[in-house]
């Protein structure tokens, strides 16, 4: 394994640290949002088309909203986990390895899964926030935004790059065994 330039090692450590911090910050931020400012849930971007009036939410509805948002964020948290693992291995000097290609592939799949999961936040929130209303005033919102497509596209591109990287590792291992 060749020595990597210090800037790559430094940047890899920083990305790994940022991913680690984000892994902790996302659930905490969701909890603060849902339990600290529940009136803002009515205008959440995933259900903005409903134009709901903010109302006092019961603790049960708040908990349901938290579970919905955390579940829809789970694939993103998985992507952060894989990104953390990938860049920790980079920081350890393991760049062109089968493990790095595997982690990059898992990151790409998590990113694409995240894009697919995002519309479920709107479905879950719209049900949770209108469940207490009388029949005819309940709503179910399913929306796909352009950024969902962009995230899926980037995930797909990274997946192909991971496949290419895995193939390059395989060819390098084959060539090393011939010598």
Protein backbone atom coordinates (compact mmCIF):
# COMPACT_ATOMS: atom_id res chain seq x y z
CA UNK A 1 0.00 0.00 0.00
CA UNK A 2 1.61 3.29 -1.06
CA UNK A 3 1.90 6.15 1.40
CA UNK A 4 -0.89 8.66 0.95
CA UNK A 5 -0.34 12.41 0.93
CA UNK A 6 -1.02 14.00 4.32
CA UNK A 7 -3.85 16.12 2.85
CA UNK A 8 -5.80 12.95 1.94
CA UNK A 9 -5.28 11.47 5.39
CA UNK A 10 -6.26 14.77 7.05
CA UNK A 11 -9.33 15.26 4.87
CA UNK A 12 -10.37 11.64 5.42
CA UNK A 13 -10.16 12.08 9.19
CA UNK A 14 -12.24 15.26 8.96
CA UNK A 15 -14.94 13.58 6.85
CA UNK A 16 -15.04 10.63 9.26
CA UNK A 17 -15.41 13.02 12.21
CA UNK A 18 -18.13 15.01 10.44
CA UNK A 19 -20.05 11.82 9.62
CA UNK A 20 -19.72 10.68 13.24
CA UNK A 21 -21.02 14.01 14.53
CA UNK A 22 -23.89 13.95 12.04
CA UNK A 23 -24.84 10.43 13.16
CA UNK A 24 -25.45 11.80 16.63
CA UNK A 25 -26.81 15.18 15.60
CA UNK A 26 -29.57 14.00 13.24
CA UNK A 27 -31.62 12.07 15.83
CA UNK A 28 -31.06 14.81 18.43
CA UNK A 29 -32.11 17.52 15.96
CA UNK A 30 -35.23 15.53 15.04
CA UNK A 31 -36.12 15.16 18.73
CA UNK A 32 -35.64 18.88 19.37
CA UNK A 33 -37.72 19.71 16.28
CA UNK A 34 -40.61 17.38 17.11
CA UNK A 35 -40.75 17.76 20.89
CA UNK A 36 -39.42 21.30 21.22
CA UNK A 37 -41.25 22.95 18.33
CA UNK A 38 -44.21 20.69 17.48
CA UNK A 39 -46.16 23.60 15.98
CA UNK A 40 -43.65 23.63 13.10
CA UNK A 41 -44.63 20.10 12.04
CA UNK A 42 -47.75 21.46 10.32
CA UNK A 43 -45.51 23.28 7.83
CA UNK A 44 -42.95 20.49 7.34
CA UNK A 45 -41.81 20.54 3.68
CA UNK A 46 -42.97 16.94 3.14
CA UNK A 47 -46.58 17.99 3.81
CA UNK A 48 -46.46 21.69 2.92
CA UNK A 49 -49.12 21.24 0.24
CA UNK A 50 -51.70 20.61 2.98
CA UNK A 51 -51.30 24.09 4.46
CA UNK A 52 -52.29 22.80 7.89
CA UNK A 53 -52.94 25.23 10.70
CA UNK A 54 -50.61 24.64 13.65
CA UNK A 55 -52.46 22.95 16.50
CA UNK A 56 -51.41 21.63 19.88
CA UNK A 57 -50.26 18.05 19.45
CA UNK A 58 -50.67 15.36 22.06
CA UNK A 59 -47.50 13.63 23.28
CA UNK A 60 -48.67 10.51 21.41
CA UNK A 61 -48.89 12.37 18.10
CA UNK A 62 -45.52 13.98 18.73
CA UNK A 63 -44.00 10.57 19.40
CA UNK A 64 -45.60 9.18 16.25
CA UNK A 65 -44.19 12.09 14.22
CA UNK A 66 -40.75 11.51 15.74
CA UNK A 67 -40.87 7.80 14.86
CA UNK A 68 -41.97 8.62 11.29
CA UNK A 69 -39.19 11.17 10.79
CA UNK A 70 -36.55 8.96 12.41
CA UNK A 71 -37.62 5.97 10.31
CA UNK A 72 -37.47 8.03 7.13
CA UNK A 73 -34.01 9.27 8.18
CA UNK A 74 -32.74 5.73 8.90
CA UNK A 75 -31.36 5.13 5.38
CA UNK A 76 -29.56 8.49 5.58
CA UNK A 77 -28.10 7.48 8.94
CA UNK A 78 -26.97 4.22 7.35
CA UNK A 79 -25.31 6.25 4.57
CA UNK A 80 -23.51 8.35 7.19
CA UNK A 81 -22.38 5.17 8.97
CA UNK A 82 -20.96 3.72 5.76
CA UNK A 83 -19.33 7.06 4.89
CA UNK A 84 -17.73 7.14 8.33
CA UNK A 85 -16.39 3.59 7.89
CA UNK A 86 -15.10 4.39 4.40
CA UNK A 87 -13.23 7.52 5.41
CA UNK A 88 -11.84 5.94 8.57
CA UNK A 89 -10.31 3.28 6.34
CA UNK A 90 -8.98 6.00 4.02
CA UNK A 91 -7.49 7.78 7.05
CA UNK A 92 -5.81 4.46 7.91
CA UNK A 93 -4.22 4.35 4.47
CA UNK A 94 -6.56 1.71 3.02
CA UNK A 95 -7.80 3.27 -0.20
CA UNK A 96 -7.72 0.82 -3.10
CA UNK A 97 -8.93 -2.27 -1.25
CA UNK A 98 -11.85 -4.63 -1.62
CA UNK A 99 -13.12 -3.35 1.76
CA UNK A 100 -13.11 0.26 0.57
CA UNK A 101 -14.98 -0.72 -2.61
CA UNK A 102 -17.49 -2.66 -0.50
CA UNK A 103 -18.06 0.30 1.86
CA UNK A 104 -18.44 2.69 -1.08
CA UNK A 105 -20.98 0.32 -2.63
CA UNK A 106 -22.94 0.16 0.66
CA UNK A 107 -22.84 3.95 0.93
CA UNK A 108 -24.28 4.24 -2.58
CA UNK A 109 -27.06 1.76 -1.82
CA UNK A 110 -27.86 3.61 1.42
CA UNK A 111 -27.99 6.90 -0.48
CA UNK A 112 -30.41 5.49 -3.06
CA UNK A 113 -32.50 3.93 -0.29
CA UNK A 114 -32.58 7.31 1.43
CA UNK A 115 -34.01 8.89 -1.71
CA UNK A 116 -36.69 6.19 -1.87
CA UNK A 117 -37.57 6.59 1.82
CA UNK A 118 -38.01 10.36 1.79
CA UNK A 119 -41.57 10.33 0.38
CA UNK A 120 -42.66 8.10 3.26
CA UNK A 121 -42.01 10.96 5.67
CA UNK A 122 -44.82 12.90 4.00
CA UNK A 123 -47.13 9.90 4.06
CA UNK A 124 -46.48 9.22 7.74
CA UNK A 125 -46.61 12.86 8.83
CA UNK A 126 -49.79 13.61 6.91
CA UNK A 127 -51.51 10.62 8.51
CA UNK A 128 -50.18 11.40 12.01
CA UNK A 129 -51.10 15.09 11.86
CA UNK A 130 -54.61 14.61 10.43
CA UNK A 131 -55.61 11.36 12.15
CA UNK A 132 -57.45 13.22 14.90
CA UNK A 133 -59.62 15.06 12.36
CA UNK A 134 -63.08 13.92 11.35
CA UNK A 135 -63.53 11.73 8.26
CA UNK A 136 -63.20 13.82 5.12
CA UNK A 137 -60.63 16.10 6.75
CA UNK A 138 -57.91 13.47 6.99
CA UNK A 139 -55.13 13.53 4.43
CA UNK A 140 -52.45 11.34 2.98
CA UNK A 141 -49.66 13.13 1.13
CA UNK A 142 -47.25 11.28 -1.13
CA UNK A 143 -44.81 13.56 -2.90
CA UNK A 144 -41.57 13.03 -4.77
CA UNK A 145 -39.33 16.05 -5.16
CA UNK A 146 -36.60 16.70 -7.68
CA UNK A 147 -33.96 16.42 -4.98
CA UNK A 148 -35.13 12.83 -4.37
CA UNK A 149 -34.25 12.08 -7.99
CA UNK A 150 -30.93 13.91 -7.63
CA UNK A 151 -29.99 11.92 -4.52
CA UNK A 152 -30.93 8.67 -6.24
CA UNK A 153 -28.93 9.66 -9.33
CA UNK A 154 -25.84 10.53 -7.28
CA UNK A 155 -26.25 7.24 -5.39
CA UNK A 156 -26.46 5.36 -8.69
CA UNK A 157 -23.34 7.09 -9.99
CA UNK A 158 -21.43 6.30 -6.80
CA UNK A 159 -22.59 2.67 -7.06
CA UNK A 160 -21.10 2.36 -10.55
CA UNK A 161 -17.87 4.00 -9.33
CA UNK A 162 -17.78 1.45 -6.48
CA UNK A 163 -18.21 -1.40 -8.98
CA UNK A 164 -15.36 0.02 -11.09
CA UNK A 165 -13.21 0.39 -7.98
CA UNK A 166 -13.95 -3.21 -6.98
CA UNK A 167 -13.03 -4.41 -10.44
CA UNK A 168 -9.79 -2.39 -10.33
CA UNK A 169 -8.91 -3.99 -6.99
CA UNK A 170 -9.62 -7.46 -8.43
CA UNK A 171 -7.43 -6.80 -11.50
CA UNK A 172 -4.62 -5.42 -9.31
CA UNK A 173 -4.78 -8.51 -7.09
CA UNK A 174 -4.72 -10.76 -10.16
CA UNK A 175 -1.70 -8.91 -11.57
CA UNK A 176 0.09 -9.06 -8.20
CA UNK A 177 -0.38 -12.83 -8.04
CA UNK A 178 1.13 -13.31 -11.50
CA UNK A 179 4.43 -11.63 -10.65
